[in-house]
Amino acid sequence: MSIKACKSKDSTLDLILLCTDYILSLFEKLKDEYKEDPTFSAMFNSRWKKMDKYYRASDKTPAYVTAVVLHPSRKWRYIERHWKED
């Protein structure tokens, strides 16, 4: 996935979860890469926390689960692979 996939005017709920996964993975990579730099480290950590807050909120929204499960190529596999049991 690339950031271009997240810039579509035709974005759907199931795509938003994939984009959020992608953005969080970028922030995790950059957090590790710049952990010794006080400015960038603080910046990437705060952005990661904000994105994670919204990502976790999606777990509580039935609309997101429904959008993913009803998507022809994702179905329950996405939920089983990416969501924790708790």
PDB file of N, CA and C in Angstrom:
ATOM      1  N   MET A   1       0.851  -1.177   0.000  1.00  0.00           N
ATOM      2  CA  MET A   1       0.000   0.000   0.000  1.00  0.00           C
ATOM      3  C   MET A   1       0.892   1.233   0.000  1.00  0.00           C
ATOM      4  N   SER A   2       0.428   2.240  -0.642  1.00  0.00           N
ATOM      5  CA  SER A   2       1.140   3.509  -0.624  1.00  0.00           C
ATOM      6  C   SER A   2       0.209   4.597  -0.123  1.00  0.00           C
ATOM      7  N   ILE A   3       0.783   5.732   0.167  1.00  0.00           N
ATOM      8  CA  ILE A   3      -0.007   6.858   0.667  1.00  0.00           C
ATOM      9  C   ILE A   3      -0.999   7.339  -0.393  1.00  0.00           C
ATOM     10  N   LYS A   4      -0.707   7.095  -1.678  1.00  0.00           N
ATOM     11  CA  LYS A   4      -1.630   7.489  -2.744  1.00  0.00           C
ATOM     12  C   LYS A   4      -2.973   6.779  -2.614  1.00  0.00           C
ATOM     13  N   ALA A   5      -2.946   5.545  -2.157  1.00  0.00           N
ATOM     14  CA  ALA A   5      -4.192   4.797  -1.982  1.00  0.00           C
ATOM     15  C   ALA A   5      -5.080   5.437  -0.926  1.00  0.00           C
ATOM     16  N   CYS A   6      -4.498   6.187  -0.035  1.00  0.00           N
ATOM     17  CA  CYS A   6      -5.248   6.834   1.042  1.00  0.00           C
ATOM     18  C   CYS A   6      -5.796   8.189   0.626  1.00  0.00           C
ATOM     19  N   LYS A   7      -5.443   8.678  -0.549  1.00  0.00           N
ATOM     20  CA  LYS A   7      -5.849  10.003  -1.009  1.00  0.00           C
ATOM     21  C   LYS A   7      -6.974   9.950  -2.034  1.00  0.00           C
ATOM     22  N   SER A   8      -7.740   8.935  -2.002  1.00  0.00           N
ATOM     23  CA  SER A   8      -8.786   8.776  -3.011  1.00  0.00           C
ATOM     24  C   SER A   8     -10.048   9.528  -2.628  1.00  0.00           C
ATOM     25  N   LYS A   9     -10.696  10.112  -3.610  1.00  0.00           N
ATOM     26  CA  LYS A   9     -11.994  10.735  -3.342  1.00  0.00           C
ATOM     27  C   LYS A   9     -13.073   9.671  -3.171  1.00  0.00           C
ATOM     28  N   ASP A  10     -12.727   8.442  -3.513  1.00  0.00           N
ATOM     29  CA  ASP A  10     -13.653   7.328  -3.382  1.00  0.00           C
ATOM     30  C   ASP A  10     -13.335   6.458  -2.167  1.00  0.00           C
ATOM     31  N   SER A  11     -12.754   7.035  -1.126  1.00  0.00           N
ATOM     32  CA  SER A  11     -12.387   6.266   0.061  1.00  0.00           C
ATOM     33  C   SER A  11     -13.619   5.668   0.722  1.00  0.00           C
ATOM     34  N   THR A  12     -13.442   4.466   1.204  1.00  0.00           N
ATOM     35  CA  THR A  12     -14.519   3.772   1.903  1.00  0.00           C
ATOM     36  C   THR A  12     -14.037   3.408   3.301  1.00  0.00           C
ATOM     37  N   LEU A  13     -14.945   3.011   4.160  1.00  0.00           N
ATOM     38  CA  LEU A  13     -14.568   2.698   5.537  1.00  0.00           C
ATOM     39  C   LEU A  13     -13.516   1.600   5.614  1.00  0.00           C
ATOM     40  N   ASP A  14     -13.645   0.568   4.787  1.00  0.00           N
ATOM     41  CA  ASP A  14     -12.667  -0.510   4.832  1.00  0.00           C
ATOM     42  C   ASP A  14     -11.282  -0.020   4.415  1.00  0.00           C
ATOM     43  N   LEU A  15     -11.218   0.932   3.496  1.00  0.00           N
ATOM     44  CA  LEU A  15      -9.934   1.486   3.062  1.00  0.00           C
ATOM     45  C   LEU A  15      -9.302   2.349   4.157  1.00  0.00           C
ATOM     46  N   ILE A  16     -10.132   3.021   4.929  1.00  0.00           N
ATOM     47  CA  ILE A  16      -9.617   3.864   6.008  1.00  0.00           C
ATOM     48  C   ILE A  16      -8.826   3.034   7.018  1.00  0.00           C
ATOM     49  N   LEU A  17      -9.323   1.844   7.343  1.00  0.00           N
ATOM     50  CA  LEU A  17      -8.581   0.990   8.273  1.00  0.00           C
ATOM     51  C   LEU A  17      -7.225   0.587   7.694  1.00  0.00           C
ATOM     52  N   LEU A  18      -7.194   0.244   6.420  1.00  0.00           N
ATOM     53  CA  LEU A  18      -5.929  -0.129   5.788  1.00  0.00           C
ATOM     54  C   LEU A  18      -4.963   1.057   5.764  1.00  0.00           C
ATOM     55  N   CYS A  19      -5.474   2.236   5.485  1.00  0.00           N
ATOM     56  CA  CYS A  19      -4.630   3.432   5.468  1.00  0.00           C
ATOM     57  C   CYS A  19      -4.104   3.747   6.867  1.00  0.00           C
ATOM     58  N   THR A  20      -4.953   3.575   7.860  1.00  0.00           N
ATOM     59  CA  THR A  20      -4.517   3.805   9.239  1.00  0.00           C
ATOM     60  C   THR A  20      -3.422   2.818   9.613  1.00  0.00           C
ATOM     61  N   ASP A  21      -3.569   1.568   9.238  1.00  0.00           N
ATOM     62  CA  ASP A  21      -2.511   0.572   9.466  1.00  0.00           C
ATOM     63  C   ASP A  21      -1.204   1.025   8.827  1.00  0.00           C
ATOM     64  N   TYR A  22      -1.309   1.471   7.599  1.00  0.00           N
ATOM     65  CA  TYR A  22      -0.126   1.903   6.858  1.00  0.00           C
ATOM     66  C   TYR A  22       0.547   3.100   7.529  1.00  0.00           C
ATOM     67  N   ILE A  23      -0.227   4.099   7.908  1.00  0.00           N
ATOM     68  CA  ILE A  23       0.334   5.297   8.541  1.00  0.00           C
ATOM     69  C   ILE A  23       0.953   4.949   9.892  1.00  0.00           C
ATOM     70  N   LEU A  24       0.288   4.112  10.675  1.00  0.00           N
ATOM     71  CA  LEU A  24       0.867   3.692  11.958  1.00  0.00           C
ATOM     72  C   LEU A  24       2.184   2.953  11.759  1.00  0.00           C
ATOM     73  N   SER A  25       2.266   2.105  10.751  1.00  0.00           N
ATOM     74  CA  SER A  25       3.516   1.379  10.503  1.00  0.00           C
ATOM     75  C   SER A  25       4.640   2.336  10.103  1.00  0.00           C
ATOM     76  N   LEU A  26       4.300   3.383   9.340  1.00  0.00           N
ATOM     77  CA  LEU A  26       5.312   4.391   9.007  1.00  0.00           C
ATOM     78  C   LEU A  26       5.809   5.105  10.255  1.00  0.00           C
ATOM     79  N   PHE A  27       4.886   5.510  11.115  1.00  0.00           N
ATOM     80  CA  PHE A  27       5.287   6.185  12.347  1.00  0.00           C
ATOM     81  C   PHE A  27       6.127   5.275  13.234  1.00  0.00           C
ATOM     82  N   GLU A  28       5.782   3.991  13.307  1.00  0.00           N
ATOM     83  CA  GLU A  28       6.582   3.058  14.109  1.00  0.00           C
ATOM     84  C   GLU A  28       8.005   2.961  13.567  1.00  0.00           C
ATOM     85  N   LYS A  29       8.120   2.882  12.257  1.00  0.00           N
ATOM     86  CA  LYS A  29       9.445   2.822  11.623  1.00  0.00           C
ATOM     87  C   LYS A  29      10.242   4.098  11.926  1.00  0.00           C
ATOM     88  N   LEU A  30       9.598   5.248  11.774  1.00  0.00           N
ATOM     89  CA  LEU A  30      10.283   6.522  12.004  1.00  0.00           C
ATOM     90  C   LEU A  30      10.599   6.747  13.473  1.00  0.00           C
ATOM     91  N   LYS A  31       9.740   6.249  14.373  1.00  0.00           N
ATOM     92  CA  LYS A  31      10.036   6.336  15.816  1.00  0.00           C
ATOM     93  C   LYS A  31      11.347   5.622  16.121  1.00  0.00           C
ATOM     94  N   ASP A  32      11.521   4.438  15.551  1.00  0.00           N
ATOM     95  CA  ASP A  32      12.752   3.678  15.770  1.00  0.00           C
ATOM     96  C   ASP A  32      13.951   4.353  15.116  1.00  0.00           C
ATOM     97  N   GLU A  33      13.745   4.834  13.912  1.00  0.00           N
ATOM     98  CA  GLU A  33      14.837   5.451  13.154  1.00  0.00           C
ATOM     99  C   GLU A  33      15.367   6.721  13.827  1.00  0.00           C
ATOM    100  N   TYR A  34      14.478   7.494  14.438  1.00  0.00           N
ATOM    101  CA  TYR A  34      14.875   8.778  15.027  1.00  0.00           C
ATOM    102  C   TYR A  34      14.806   8.784  16.553  1.00  0.00           C
ATOM    103  N   LYS A  35      14.931   7.615  17.175  1.00  0.00           N
ATOM    104  CA  LYS A  35      14.799   7.558  18.634  1.00  0.00           C
ATOM    105  C   LYS A  35      15.876   8.341  19.377  1.00  0.00           C
ATOM    106  N   GLU A  36      17.010   8.598  18.747  1.00  0.00           N
ATOM    107  CA  GLU A  36      18.087   9.368  19.380  1.00  0.00           C
ATOM    108  C   GLU A  36      17.960  10.873  19.155  1.00  0.00           C
ATOM    109  N   ASP A  37      17.097  11.275  18.269  1.00  0.00           N
ATOM    110  CA  ASP A  37      16.923  12.695  17.963  1.00  0.00           C
ATOM    111  C   ASP A  37      15.784  13.237  18.818  1.00  0.00           C
ATOM    112  N   PRO A  38      16.076  14.176  19.738  1.00  0.00           N
ATOM    113  CA  PRO A  38      15.037  14.644  20.661  1.00  0.00           C
ATOM    114  C   PRO A  38      13.849  15.324  19.972  1.00  0.00           C
ATOM    115  N   THR A  39      14.093  16.058  18.919  1.00  0.00           N
ATOM    116  CA  THR A  39      13.009  16.762  18.237  1.00  0.00           C
ATOM    117  C   THR A  39      12.127  15.799  17.452  1.00  0.00           C
ATOM    118  N   PHE A  40      12.742  15.022  16.571  1.00  0.00           N
ATOM    119  CA  PHE A  40      11.966  14.096  15.747  1.00  0.00           C
ATOM    120  C   PHE A  40      11.349  12.979  16.576  1.00  0.00           C
ATOM    121  N   SER A  41      12.059  12.522  17.579  1.00  0.00           N
ATOM    122  CA  SER A  41      11.534  11.456  18.426  1.00  0.00           C
ATOM    123  C   SER A  41      10.229  11.888  19.089  1.00  0.00           C
ATOM    124  N   ALA A  42      10.220  13.063  19.655  1.00  0.00           N
ATOM    125  CA  ALA A  42       9.007  13.572  20.305  1.00  0.00           C
ATOM    126  C   ALA A  42       7.879  13.759  19.289  1.00  0.00           C
ATOM    127  N   MET A  43       8.224  14.265  18.116  1.00  0.00           N
ATOM    128  CA  MET A  43       7.228  14.509  17.083  1.00  0.00           C
ATOM    129  C   MET A  43       6.586  13.193  16.616  1.00  0.00           C
ATOM    130  N   PHE A  44       7.410  12.202  16.283  1.00  0.00           N
ATOM    131  CA  PHE A  44       6.863  10.941  15.778  1.00  0.00           C
ATOM    132  C   PHE A  44       6.103  10.191  16.874  1.00  0.00           C
ATOM    133  N   ASN A  45       6.565  10.262  18.117  1.00  0.00           N
ATOM    134  CA  ASN A  45       5.850   9.611  19.208  1.00  0.00           C
ATOM    135  C   ASN A  45       4.479  10.226  19.426  1.00  0.00           C
ATOM    136  N   SER A  46       4.396  11.544  19.395  1.00  0.00           N
ATOM    137  CA  SER A  46       3.101  12.196  19.613  1.00  0.00           C
ATOM    138  C   SER A  46       2.143  11.914  18.457  1.00  0.00           C
ATOM    139  N   ARG A  47       2.646  11.898  17.232  1.00  0.00           N
ATOM    140  CA  ARG A  47       1.785  11.601  16.079  1.00  0.00           C
ATOM    141  C   ARG A  47       1.322  10.155  16.102  1.00  0.00           C
ATOM    142  N   TRP A  48       2.220   9.249  16.509  1.00  0.00           N
ATOM    143  CA  TRP A  48       1.843   7.844  16.610  1.00  0.00           C
ATOM    144  C   TRP A  48       0.737   7.671  17.649  1.00  0.00           C
ATOM    145  N   LYS A  49       0.859   8.342  18.790  1.00  0.00           N
ATOM    146  CA  LYS A  49      -0.164   8.238  19.839  1.00  0.00           C
ATOM    147  C   LYS A  49      -1.519   8.729  19.336  1.00  0.00           C
ATOM    148  N   LYS A  50      -1.529   9.814  18.595  1.00  0.00           N
ATOM    149  CA  LYS A  50      -2.782  10.358  18.070  1.00  0.00           C
ATOM    150  C   LYS A  50      -3.411   9.382  17.070  1.00  0.00           C
ATOM    151  N   MET A  51      -2.609   8.854  16.153  1.00  0.00           N
ATOM    152  CA  MET A  51      -3.132   7.896  15.179  1.00  0.00           C
ATOM    153  C   MET A  51      -3.636   6.631  15.872  1.00  0.00           C
ATOM    154  N   ASP A  52      -2.903   6.166  16.877  1.00  0.00           N
ATOM    155  CA  ASP A  52      -3.299   4.965  17.605  1.00  0.00           C
ATOM    156  C   ASP A  52      -4.629   5.180  18.334  1.00  0.00           C
ATOM    157  N   LYS A  53      -4.838   6.384  18.833  1.00  0.00           N
ATOM    158  CA  LYS A  53      -6.111   6.710  19.498  1.00  0.00           C
ATOM    159  C   LYS A  53      -7.281   6.508  18.527  1.00  0.00           C
ATOM    160  N   TYR A  54      -7.147   7.027  17.316  1.00  0.00           N
ATOM    161  CA  TYR A  54      -8.216   6.872  16.325  1.00  0.00           C
ATOM    162  C   TYR A  54      -8.341   5.425  15.853  1.00  0.00           C
ATOM    163  N   TYR A  55      -7.227   4.745  15.739  1.00  0.00           N
ATOM    164  CA  TYR A  55      -7.244   3.345  15.323  1.00  0.00           C
ATOM    165  C   TYR A  55      -8.005   2.505  16.343  1.00  0.00           C
ATOM    166  N   ARG A  56      -7.717   2.724  17.607  1.00  0.00           N
ATOM    167  CA  ARG A  56      -8.410   1.971  18.662  1.00  0.00           C
ATOM    168  C   ARG A  56      -9.895   2.305  18.715  1.00  0.00           C
ATOM    169  N   ALA A  57     -10.241   3.538  18.412  1.00  0.00           N
ATOM    170  CA  ALA A  57     -11.656   3.929  18.391  1.00  0.00           C
ATOM    171  C   ALA A  57     -12.411   3.159  17.317  1.00  0.00           C
ATOM    172  N   SER A  58     -11.740   2.822  16.234  1.00  0.00           N
ATOM    173  CA  SER A  58     -12.410   2.077  15.161  1.00  0.00           C
ATOM    174  C   SER A  58     -12.808   0.680  15.620  1.00  0.00           C
ATOM    175  N   ASP A  59     -12.090   0.127  16.592  1.00  0.00           N
ATOM    176  CA  ASP A  59     -12.447  -1.193  17.127  1.00  0.00           C
ATOM    177  C   ASP A  59     -13.824  -1.179  17.787  1.00  0.00           C
ATOM    178  N   LYS A  60     -14.231  -0.032  18.245  1.00  0.00           N
ATOM    179  CA  LYS A  60     -15.501   0.087  18.971  1.00  0.00           C
ATOM    180  C   LYS A  60     -16.659   0.505  18.068  1.00  0.00           C
ATOM    181  N   THR A  61     -16.409   0.655  16.789  1.00  0.00           N
ATOM    182  CA  THR A  61     -17.421   1.138  15.862  1.00  0.00           C
ATOM    183  C   THR A  61     -17.897  -0.001  14.961  1.00  0.00           C
ATOM    184  N   PRO A  62     -19.132  -0.424  15.127  1.00  0.00           N
ATOM    185  CA  PRO A  62     -19.640  -1.527  14.301  1.00  0.00           C
ATOM    186  C   PRO A  62     -19.591  -1.238  12.799  1.00  0.00           C
ATOM    187  N   ALA A  63     -19.655   0.012  12.408  1.00  0.00           N
ATOM    188  CA  ALA A  63     -19.640   0.339  10.977  1.00  0.00           C
ATOM    189  C   ALA A  63     -18.336  -0.094  10.321  1.00  0.00           C
ATOM    190  N   TYR A  64     -17.222   0.060  11.008  1.00  0.00           N
ATOM    191  CA  TYR A  64     -15.942  -0.346  10.438  1.00  0.00           C
ATOM    192  C   TYR A  64     -15.878  -1.865  10.271  1.00  0.00           C
ATOM    193  N   VAL A  65     -16.301  -2.583  11.301  1.00  0.00           N
ATOM    194  CA  VAL A  65     -16.294  -4.044  11.212  1.00  0.00           C
ATOM    195  C   VAL A  65     -17.181  -4.496  10.051  1.00  0.00           C
ATOM    196  N   THR A  66     -18.342  -3.904   9.952  1.00  0.00           N
ATOM    197  CA  THR A  66     -19.270  -4.265   8.881  1.00  0.00           C
ATOM    198  C   THR A  66     -18.673  -3.979   7.506  1.00  0.00           C
ATOM    199  N   ALA A  67     -18.048  -2.821   7.361  1.00  0.00           N
ATOM    200  CA  ALA A  67     -17.447  -2.460   6.068  1.00  0.00           C
ATOM    201  C   ALA A  67     -16.351  -3.438   5.674  1.00  0.00           C
ATOM    202  N   VAL A  68     -15.547  -3.848   6.629  1.00  0.00           N
ATOM    203  CA  VAL A  68     -14.460  -4.783   6.330  1.00  0.00           C
ATOM    204  C   VAL A  68     -15.017  -6.168   6.005  1.00  0.00           C
ATOM    205  N   VAL A  69     -15.931  -6.642   6.814  1.00  0.00           N
ATOM    206  CA  VAL A  69     -16.479  -7.991   6.623  1.00  0.00           C
ATOM    207  C   VAL A  69     -17.255  -8.096   5.306  1.00  0.00           C
ATOM    208  N   LEU A  70     -17.930  -7.039   4.911  1.00  0.00           N
ATOM    209  CA  LEU A  70     -18.705  -7.080   3.671  1.00  0.00           C
ATOM    210  C   LEU A  70     -17.868  -6.826   2.420  1.00  0.00           C
ATOM    211  N   HIS A  71     -16.637  -6.395   2.598  1.00  0.00           N
ATOM    212  CA  HIS A  71     -15.774  -6.158   1.437  1.00  0.00           C
ATOM    213  C   HIS A  71     -15.424  -7.504   0.805  1.00  0.00           C
ATOM    214  N   PRO A  72     -15.581  -7.642  -0.504  1.00  0.00           N
ATOM    215  CA  PRO A  72     -15.378  -8.943  -1.161  1.00  0.00           C
ATOM    216  C   PRO A  72     -13.992  -9.560  -0.971  1.00  0.00           C
ATOM    217  N   SER A  73     -12.952  -8.754  -0.871  1.00  0.00           N
ATOM    218  CA  SER A  73     -11.614  -9.342  -0.778  1.00  0.00           C
ATOM    219  C   SER A  73     -11.078  -9.414   0.653  1.00  0.00           C
ATOM    220  N   ARG A  74     -11.737  -8.803   1.608  1.00  0.00           N
ATOM    221  CA  ARG A  74     -11.201  -8.792   2.974  1.00  0.00           C
ATOM    222  C   ARG A  74     -11.917  -9.787   3.885  1.00  0.00           C
ATOM    223  N   LYS A  75     -13.213  -9.641   3.973  1.00  0.00           N
ATOM    224  CA  LYS A  75     -14.054 -10.528   4.794  1.00  0.00           C
ATOM    225  C   LYS A  75     -13.514 -10.631   6.228  1.00  0.00           C
ATOM    226  N   TRP A  76     -13.761 -11.778   6.884  1.00  0.00           N
ATOM    227  CA  TRP A  76     -13.333 -11.967   8.271  1.00  0.00           C
ATOM    228  C   TRP A  76     -11.824 -12.167   8.386  1.00  0.00           C
ATOM    229  N   ARG A  77     -11.162 -12.522   7.286  1.00  0.00           N
ATOM    230  CA  ARG A  77      -9.712 -12.748   7.338  1.00  0.00           C
ATOM    231  C   ARG A  77      -8.972 -11.535   7.885  1.00  0.00           C
ATOM    232  N   TYR A  78      -9.377 -10.348   7.448  1.00  0.00           N
ATOM    233  CA  TYR A  78      -8.707  -9.126   7.915  1.00  0.00           C
ATOM    234  C   TYR A  78      -8.864  -8.976   9.429  1.00  0.00           C
ATOM    235  N   ILE A  79     -10.055  -9.198   9.916  1.00  0.00           N
ATOM    236  CA  ILE A  79     -10.320  -9.086  11.351  1.00  0.00           C
ATOM    237  C   ILE A  79      -9.472 -10.111  12.116  1.00  0.00           C
ATOM    238  N   GLU A  80      -9.477 -11.339  11.652  1.00  0.00           N
ATOM    239  CA  GLU A  80      -8.730 -12.396  12.344  1.00  0.00           C
ATOM    240  C   GLU A  80      -7.230 -12.143  12.347  1.00  0.00           C
ATOM    241  N   ARG A  81      -6.692 -11.580  11.292  1.00  0.00           N
ATOM    242  CA  ARG A  81      -5.242 -11.331  11.203  1.00  0.00           C
ATOM    243  C   ARG A  81      -4.790 -10.105  11.964  1.00  0.00           C
ATOM    244  N   HIS A  82      -5.601  -9.055  11.958  1.00  0.00           N
ATOM    245  CA  HIS A  82      -5.113  -7.761  12.443  1.00  0.00           C
ATOM    246  C   HIS A  82      -5.693  -7.300  13.759  1.00  0.00           C
ATOM    247  N   TRP A  83      -6.763  -7.884  14.219  1.00  0.00           N
ATOM    248  CA  TRP A  83      -7.364  -7.426  15.463  1.00  0.00           C
ATOM    249  C   TRP A  83      -7.070  -8.412  16.577  1.00  0.00           C
ATOM    250  N   LYS A  84      -6.734  -7.870  17.734  1.00  0.00           N
ATOM    251  CA  LYS A  84      -6.482  -8.714  18.904  1.00  0.00           C
ATOM    252  C   LYS A  84      -7.800  -9.256  19.431  1.00  0.00           C
ATOM    253  N   GLU A  85      -7.731 -10.409  20.079  1.00  0.00           N
ATOM    254  CA  GLU A  85      -8.944 -11.036  20.581  1.00  0.00           C
ATOM    255  C   GLU A  85      -9.650 -10.203  21.644  1.00  0.00           C
ATOM    256  N   ASP A  86      -8.896  -9.538  22.482  1.00  0.00           N
ATOM    257  CA  ASP A  86      -9.510  -8.763  23.559  1.00  0.00           C
ATOM    258  C   ASP A  86     -10.215  -7.564  22.995  1.00  0.00           C
TER     259      ASP A  86
END
